Structures are given as structure tokens and as C-alpha cells.
Amino acid sequence: MSPRKLPRHLVWLESFVTAVEAGSLEAAADHLGLARSVVSEHLKALELALAEGAPLLERGPGRRLQLTARGERLYEGAQTPLAQLGLRRLKDLAAEEPPIRIGLNPTASQVLLGAIAEDAAARGLRLEVAFLGSYELVRQAQQRQLDLAVGFTPLPPHRGVASLSLRELPFAVLAGPGCVLESRLARRRTARLRELEGLPFVDWLRDDPYGGANSARFTEHAITVREVARVESFLQLYVFLRVHRACAIGPDLRGLGQVPEDIHSWRLEEPQPQSVELVALWPGRGLSPGAEALLEGLKSRMTKGR
């Protein structure tokens, strides 16, 4: 099998990274087995393609090459598998004012996207937003494809990723209009597992940790529910609660103001109370100034909402 031919922008990027690490065009050319003039042409092509001709490298003391501000962002972002480095992503990294790339769990997007957008607009920041599951949030933070990510625990292993708990959330029982729990728990603020016996129930997908938690709860307490649907986020949950007059168990989002008025909710009583956390993640190398400002805004909002 013949080796895969790299796109031109990745060939140029290889010359750029090698020049940075070798300290000179001559040393980079020797390492790559190219003429110095070819390495120089690659760097100029990269600057034209990504930075509108602005320099990514400049001569420092002793004529050793050093990175410009744009070049530094590009070099940091280049420490990523080649398959992740599309031309658009490289242009963003080398831009004079690069966008802030935010990753959100779909449920977290319902809770937080408006606040994040307001904070970004107030600071003149340009956002790129992606909605991702836990594994993708962690993977893209590890690969420096995201400046900031927000999701729920439990999280997959996240070596090389910094994290901060924004809010701890207990579990709650939710019910759609017409569910028998409305009358059964009319004057109550909490619900017990046994009160769900035999009711139509909306669970989470099998590979979702909440679904596993619910199955373990019912097995431990010998409770049987009538499952009518499985979902992967609150974005889908409320529809099925209404249609089936059903109930569900999930993180208690009432403190964040994100439960519709027609959906009833009670704190779940458990012998050993469980909770999940709303967590911010970012690459271990640190936060960019824009991402740090957005994180501070989130921390402030989470504190006020307690």
C-alpha cells in the first residue's frame, strides 16, 4: 500500500512545525530532506493561506526563529492528530482574533447556551459552538479542538484535561401532565422509588450512565416500571413525558430554571442520595483569555442560582 499523500496545507504545516522545533530553516530543511528554499516557500504559502500574509515566525536574538502571537496559537493547535486539522481549523488558530470554540452536552446547551452567548456578545467574542456527548467533549478537549467544554458527570477518563465543578445536582422524579403522580404526590416535595411501581417510565439510552443508574435503582429495590421510551437528553424527554403521561428520573434542573411549567418535579428520596455535577473542561495547557472570561461568567451564574 502506498503512503497516503497529505493535503498541501498539512505539508506546509509540517515545515512550519519542524522549523519551530529545529530553530532555523536550514535545520528544518536538513531534517525533512528538502532544500531550504522549499521550506521557505512552504512557510510563505502557509502564511498566505492562514494569516493573510502576516508572519507566523520572525527572527529573534542570534537570528534564531521565534513565534509571533499568531504562530504561537497555530503551533499549540498543531499538537493534534493530522486528521483533526482541517484548513478551516488552522485558519481559526492563526487568525488575529480567533473564535472561542465551545463544546456543550445537549442538555447543558438548553441550560447554558443563552448565558454563554450573552457573555460572549458583551465581551465582543466570536463563538463556535458544538453539541457533543461526554466522550467527544473529553476527546476534543484533550486534542485542543475545544477551548472550553461543559458537560455532566460521570465523565470518561480525561488525562491532560483540566476540570472544575460548576454545580452539584441531586436527582429528581419528573412527570408529565396527567401522570398519576400528580395526584399521588400533590402535597409532597419529594418522591420515593416505590411510588413509581408499574408506571409508564421514560429511561435513558443503554449506554448513558443515567440509564444504568436507573436500572440499578429498580433492580436493587425490586421495582418494576413500564418503559415507554428511551432518550439521550432533556431535549427529548419532555415530549415523551407528555405523550405517555409518564415519569422519569434525571438530574434536578429546577435550580437552573429549565423545567417547563407543565412538567411536575419532586426531589428523589434515596437511602444513599446520589448526585451529578455540571463540569467545565479545558485543555491542560490552560485557558485562553476569552475562554477564561466565559468560565468566570458561568461560575458567577451558578453561584447566584443556588
Protein backbone atom coordinates (compact mmCIF):
# COMPACT_ATOMS: atom_id res chain seq x y z
CA MET A 1 0.00 0.00 0.00
CA SER A 2 1.45 3.38 -0.98
CA PRO A 3 1.72 6.02 1.75
CA ARG A 4 -1.15 8.48 1.99
CA LYS A 5 -0.48 11.82 0.34
CA LEU A 6 -1.03 14.73 2.73
CA PRO A 7 -3.09 17.77 1.71
CA ARG A 8 -0.93 20.76 0.80
CA HIS A 9 -1.78 22.72 3.95
CA LEU A 10 -0.51 19.84 6.13
CA VAL A 11 2.73 19.63 4.13
CA TRP A 12 3.21 23.35 4.75
CA LEU A 13 2.31 22.87 8.41
CA GLU A 14 4.93 20.13 8.76
CA SER A 15 7.63 22.54 7.54
CA PHE A 16 6.37 25.21 9.95
CA VAL A 17 6.37 22.90 13.00
CA THR A 18 9.79 21.49 12.09
CA ALA A 19 11.24 24.99 11.70
CA VAL A 20 9.89 25.97 15.12
CA GLU A 21 11.33 22.89 16.80
CA ALA A 22 14.64 22.93 14.91
CA GLY A 23 15.15 26.66 15.40
CA SER A 24 16.05 27.54 11.81
CA LEU A 25 15.01 26.98 8.21
CA GLU A 26 18.34 25.30 7.49
CA ALA A 27 17.91 22.76 10.29
CA ALA A 28 14.30 22.13 9.27
CA ALA A 29 15.34 21.54 5.66
CA ASP A 30 18.04 19.11 6.76
CA HIS A 31 15.57 17.20 8.96
CA LEU A 32 12.91 16.99 6.24
CA GLY A 33 15.34 16.24 3.42
CA LEU A 34 14.27 19.33 1.47
CA ALA A 35 16.03 22.36 0.09
CA ARG A 36 15.97 25.42 2.32
CA SER A 37 14.14 27.33 -0.40
CA VAL A 38 11.34 24.74 -0.39
CA VAL A 39 10.86 25.07 3.38
CA SER A 40 10.79 28.85 2.96
CA GLU A 41 8.15 28.52 0.22
CA HIS A 42 6.05 26.28 2.48
CA LEU A 43 6.13 28.87 5.26
CA LYS A 44 5.12 31.69 2.91
CA ALA A 45 2.29 29.58 1.48
CA LEU A 46 1.06 28.78 4.99
CA GLU A 47 1.13 32.45 5.99
CA LEU A 48 -0.85 33.43 2.88
CA ALA A 49 -3.37 30.62 3.34
CA LEU A 50 -3.96 31.06 7.06
CA ALA A 51 -2.91 34.53 8.16
CA GLU A 52 -3.46 36.77 5.12
CA GLY A 53 0.31 37.01 4.71
CA ALA A 54 1.00 38.02 8.33
CA PRO A 55 4.19 36.39 9.68
CA LEU A 56 3.99 33.27 11.82
CA LEU A 57 7.74 33.27 12.54
CA GLU A 58 10.27 36.06 12.99
CA ARG A 59 13.97 36.34 13.71
CA GLY A 60 14.91 36.68 17.35
CA PRO A 61 18.23 37.16 19.16
CA GLY A 62 21.02 35.30 17.44
CA ARG A 63 18.80 35.08 14.36
CA ARG A 64 17.02 32.12 15.92
CA LEU A 65 13.42 31.79 14.77
CA GLN A 66 10.69 32.65 17.25
CA LEU A 67 6.92 32.55 17.06
CA THR A 68 4.64 35.54 16.59
CA ALA A 69 1.38 35.59 18.56
CA ARG A 70 -0.46 34.01 15.63
CA GLY A 71 2.31 31.50 15.13
CA GLU A 72 2.21 30.50 18.80
CA ARG A 73 -1.52 29.71 18.63
CA LEU A 74 -1.01 27.74 15.44
CA TYR A 75 1.91 25.76 16.87
CA GLU A 76 -0.07 24.86 20.01
CA GLY A 77 -3.03 23.77 17.92
CA ALA A 78 -0.81 21.70 15.66
CA GLN A 79 -0.07 19.29 18.53
CA THR A 80 -3.11 17.32 17.36
CA PRO A 81 -3.65 14.26 15.12
CA LEU A 82 -3.46 15.30 11.46
CA ALA A 83 -6.98 14.06 10.75
CA GLN A 84 -8.31 16.77 13.07
CA LEU A 85 -6.51 19.65 11.36
CA GLY A 86 -8.72 20.88 8.57
CA LEU A 87 -7.83 24.09 6.76
CA ARG A 88 -10.67 25.99 8.43
CA ARG A 89 -9.47 24.98 11.89
CA LEU A 90 -5.92 26.11 11.07
CA LYS A 91 -7.22 29.45 9.80
CA ASP A 92 -9.04 29.96 13.08
CA LEU A 93 -5.87 29.22 15.04
CA ALA A 94 -3.81 31.66 13.00
CA ALA A 95 -6.47 34.41 12.96
CA GLU A 96 -5.71 37.77 14.56
CA GLU A 97 -8.79 37.29 16.76
CA PRO A 98 -9.54 33.55 16.78
CA PRO A 99 -13.03 32.34 17.73
CA ILE A 100 -13.65 30.65 21.07
CA ARG A 101 -14.62 27.03 20.46
CA ILE A 102 -17.19 25.82 23.00
CA GLY A 103 -18.46 22.25 23.37
CA LEU A 104 -21.71 21.58 25.24
CA ASN A 105 -23.57 18.48 26.31
CA PRO A 106 -27.01 18.71 24.58
CA THR A 107 -28.82 19.07 27.91
CA ALA A 108 -26.27 21.60 29.13
CA SER A 109 -26.86 23.58 25.95
CA GLN A 110 -30.51 24.03 26.91
CA VAL A 111 -29.45 25.32 30.32
CA LEU A 112 -26.41 27.42 29.45
CA LEU A 113 -26.24 28.44 25.80
CA GLY A 114 -28.19 31.68 26.25
CA ALA A 115 -25.99 32.82 29.12
CA ILE A 116 -22.78 31.94 27.27
CA ALA A 117 -23.96 33.78 24.17
CA GLU A 118 -24.80 36.89 26.23
CA ASP A 119 -21.41 36.90 27.94
CA ALA A 120 -19.59 36.41 24.63
CA ALA A 121 -21.53 39.23 22.95
CA ALA A 122 -20.84 41.59 25.87
CA ARG A 123 -17.10 40.92 25.51
CA GLY A 124 -17.03 41.03 21.71
CA LEU A 125 -16.02 37.36 21.46
CA ARG A 126 -16.78 35.24 18.41
CA LEU A 127 -18.08 31.79 19.31
CA GLU A 128 -18.12 28.42 17.58
CA VAL A 129 -20.45 26.01 19.38
CA ALA A 130 -20.67 22.22 19.09
CA PHE A 131 -23.14 19.89 20.85
CA LEU A 132 -21.33 16.72 21.89
CA GLY A 133 -21.61 13.70 24.17
CA SER A 134 -19.27 13.17 27.12
CA TYR A 135 -16.66 11.12 25.22
CA GLU A 136 -16.39 13.67 22.42
CA LEU A 137 -16.21 16.59 24.86
CA VAL A 138 -13.26 14.97 26.62
CA ARG A 139 -11.55 13.82 23.41
CA GLN A 140 -11.76 17.20 21.74
CA ALA A 141 -10.55 18.99 24.88
CA GLN A 142 -7.60 16.58 25.04
CA GLN A 143 -6.79 17.28 21.39
CA ARG A 144 -7.13 21.06 21.90
CA GLN A 145 -10.01 21.23 19.47
CA LEU A 146 -12.13 22.96 22.12
CA ASP A 147 -11.22 25.96 24.26
CA LEU A 148 -13.92 25.16 26.82
CA ALA A 149 -16.40 22.31 27.27
CA VAL A 150 -19.32 21.88 29.65
CA GLY A 151 -20.99 18.56 30.48
CA PHE A 152 -22.27 16.34 33.25
CA THR A 153 -20.58 13.66 35.31
CA PRO A 154 -19.80 10.84 35.19
CA LEU A 155 -17.09 11.59 32.65
CA PRO A 156 -14.77 9.20 30.82
CA PRO A 157 -11.07 9.32 31.79
CA HIS A 158 -9.74 12.78 30.96
CA ARG A 159 -5.97 12.75 31.29
CA GLY A 160 -4.46 16.02 30.14
CA VAL A 161 -7.71 17.91 30.66
CA ALA A 162 -8.35 20.38 33.48
CA SER A 163 -11.80 20.42 35.07
CA LEU A 164 -13.89 22.44 37.50
CA SER A 165 -17.22 21.54 39.11
CA LEU A 166 -19.74 24.31 38.46
CA ARG A 167 -22.79 22.89 40.23
CA GLU A 168 -23.83 19.73 42.07
CA LEU A 169 -27.28 18.47 41.11
CA PRO A 170 -29.33 15.86 43.02
CA PHE A 171 -31.72 13.54 41.19
CA ALA A 172 -35.41 14.26 40.75
CA VAL A 173 -38.54 12.44 39.65
CA LEU A 174 -40.32 14.17 36.76
CA ALA A 175 -43.84 13.58 35.48
CA GLY A 176 -45.82 14.77 32.50
CA PRO A 177 -49.32 16.24 32.78
CA GLY A 178 -51.89 13.56 33.52
CA CYS A 179 -49.41 11.18 35.19
CA VAL A 180 -50.91 9.60 38.32
CA LEU A 181 -48.01 11.01 40.34
CA GLU A 182 -49.66 14.45 40.06
CA SER A 183 -52.44 13.46 42.45
CA ARG A 184 -50.43 10.90 44.40
CA LEU A 185 -47.76 13.45 45.36
CA ALA A 186 -49.83 16.64 45.16
CA ARG A 187 -48.78 17.97 48.58
CA ARG A 188 -45.31 16.45 48.62
CA ARG A 189 -41.91 17.91 47.77
CA THR A 190 -40.14 14.57 47.49
CA ALA A 191 -40.83 11.19 45.85
CA ARG A 192 -39.77 7.64 46.71
CA LEU A 193 -38.82 4.94 44.24
CA ARG A 194 -41.63 2.62 45.29
CA GLU A 195 -44.16 5.24 44.18
CA LEU A 196 -43.08 4.61 40.57
CA GLU A 197 -44.12 0.94 40.66
CA GLY A 198 -45.99 -0.04 37.49
CA LEU A 199 -46.00 3.46 35.98
CA PRO A 200 -45.07 4.36 32.39
CA PHE A 201 -41.41 5.36 32.56
CA VAL A 202 -39.06 7.18 30.16
CA ASP A 203 -35.47 6.00 30.63
CA TRP A 204 -32.11 7.00 29.16
CA LEU A 205 -30.32 5.12 26.38
CA ARG A 206 -28.48 1.97 27.44
CA ASP A 207 -25.02 3.48 27.00
CA ASP A 208 -25.99 6.55 29.05
CA PRO A 209 -24.82 6.46 32.69
CA TYR A 210 -28.20 7.74 33.90
CA GLY A 211 -29.94 4.80 32.27
CA GLY A 212 -27.59 2.43 34.02
CA ALA A 213 -28.23 4.22 37.32
CA ASN A 214 -31.99 3.90 36.93
CA SER A 215 -31.80 0.21 36.08
CA ALA A 216 -29.62 -0.39 39.16
CA ARG A 217 -32.10 1.50 41.35
CA PHE A 218 -35.07 -0.56 40.20
CA THR A 219 -33.20 -3.85 40.48
CA GLU A 220 -31.95 -3.09 43.99
CA HIS A 221 -35.43 -2.21 45.27
CA ALA A 222 -37.32 -4.87 43.27
CA ILE A 223 -39.39 -2.24 41.45
CA THR A 224 -40.90 -2.77 38.01
CA VAL A 225 -41.81 0.12 35.73
CA ARG A 226 -43.39 0.07 32.28
CA GLU A 227 -40.77 1.54 29.98
CA VAL A 228 -42.34 3.50 27.10
CA ALA A 229 -39.29 5.23 25.59
CA ARG A 230 -35.56 5.87 25.86
CA VAL A 231 -33.94 9.26 25.25
CA GLU A 232 -30.45 10.75 25.39
CA SER A 233 -31.19 14.24 26.73
CA PHE A 234 -33.77 16.54 28.25
CA LEU A 235 -34.27 17.93 24.75
CA GLN A 236 -36.28 14.77 24.01
CA LEU A 237 -37.51 13.82 27.45
CA TYR A 238 -40.40 16.24 27.93
CA VAL A 239 -42.14 15.20 24.71
CA PHE A 240 -42.43 11.59 25.85
CA LEU A 241 -43.46 12.54 29.38
CA ARG A 242 -46.38 14.47 27.90
CA VAL A 243 -47.41 11.93 25.26
CA HIS A 244 -47.34 8.91 27.59
CA ARG A 245 -48.33 10.69 30.81
CA ALA A 246 -45.16 9.12 32.08
CA CYS A 247 -42.47 9.74 34.71
CA ALA A 248 -38.67 9.76 34.62
CA ILE A 249 -35.63 10.13 36.87
CA GLY A 250 -32.85 12.56 35.98
CA PRO A 251 -30.69 15.42 37.27
CA ASP A 252 -32.71 18.08 39.09
CA LEU A 253 -32.52 21.15 36.84
CA ARG A 254 -35.11 23.21 38.71
CA GLY A 255 -32.44 25.35 40.35
CA LEU A 256 -31.31 26.36 36.88
CA GLY A 257 -34.84 27.30 35.82
CA GLN A 258 -35.07 24.79 33.00
CA VAL A 259 -38.16 22.66 33.76
CA PRO A 260 -41.32 23.55 31.76
CA GLU A 261 -44.32 24.67 33.80
CA ASP A 262 -46.44 21.65 32.82
CA ILE A 263 -43.79 19.16 33.96
CA HIS A 264 -44.04 18.24 37.64
CA SER A 265 -40.89 17.54 39.63
CA TRP A 266 -40.03 16.16 43.06
CA ARG A 267 -36.68 15.57 44.74
CA LEU A 268 -35.89 11.85 44.76
CA GLU A 269 -35.61 10.33 48.23
CA GLU A 270 -32.90 7.65 48.41
CA PRO A 271 -31.22 5.85 51.34
CA GLN A 272 -27.90 6.98 49.87
CA PRO A 273 -28.58 10.21 47.94
CA GLN A 274 -26.83 10.41 44.59
CA SER A 275 -25.92 13.45 42.55
CA VAL A 276 -24.26 14.52 39.32
CA GLU A 277 -22.10 17.56 38.66
CA LEU A 278 -22.13 20.16 35.92
CA VAL A 279 -18.45 20.33 34.98
CA ALA A 280 -16.30 22.68 32.87
CA LEU A 281 -13.37 21.13 30.96
CA TRP A 282 -10.49 22.66 29.05
CA PRO A 283 -7.10 21.59 27.63
CA GLY A 284 -4.49 21.05 30.31
CA ARG A 285 -2.22 23.71 28.79
CA GLY A 286 -4.63 26.35 30.16
CA LEU A 287 -7.49 28.61 29.18
CA SER A 288 -7.32 31.30 26.54
CA PRO A 289 -8.29 34.77 27.89
CA GLY A 290 -11.67 34.63 26.12
CA ALA A 291 -12.49 31.15 27.42
CA GLU A 292 -11.40 32.19 30.92
CA ALA A 293 -13.82 35.14 30.79
CA LEU A 294 -16.68 32.84 29.75
CA LEU A 295 -15.83 30.38 32.53
CA GLU A 296 -15.88 33.18 35.11
CA GLY A 297 -19.32 34.17 33.84
CA LEU A 298 -20.56 30.60 34.22
CA LYS A 299 -19.16 30.32 37.75
CA SER A 300 -20.88 33.56 38.73
CA ARG A 301 -24.24 32.42 37.33
CA MET A 302 -24.00 29.03 39.02
CA THR A 303 -23.31 30.70 42.38
CA LYS A 304 -26.26 33.11 42.02
CA GLY A 305 -28.58 30.25 41.07
CA ARG A 306 -28.04 28.31 44.28
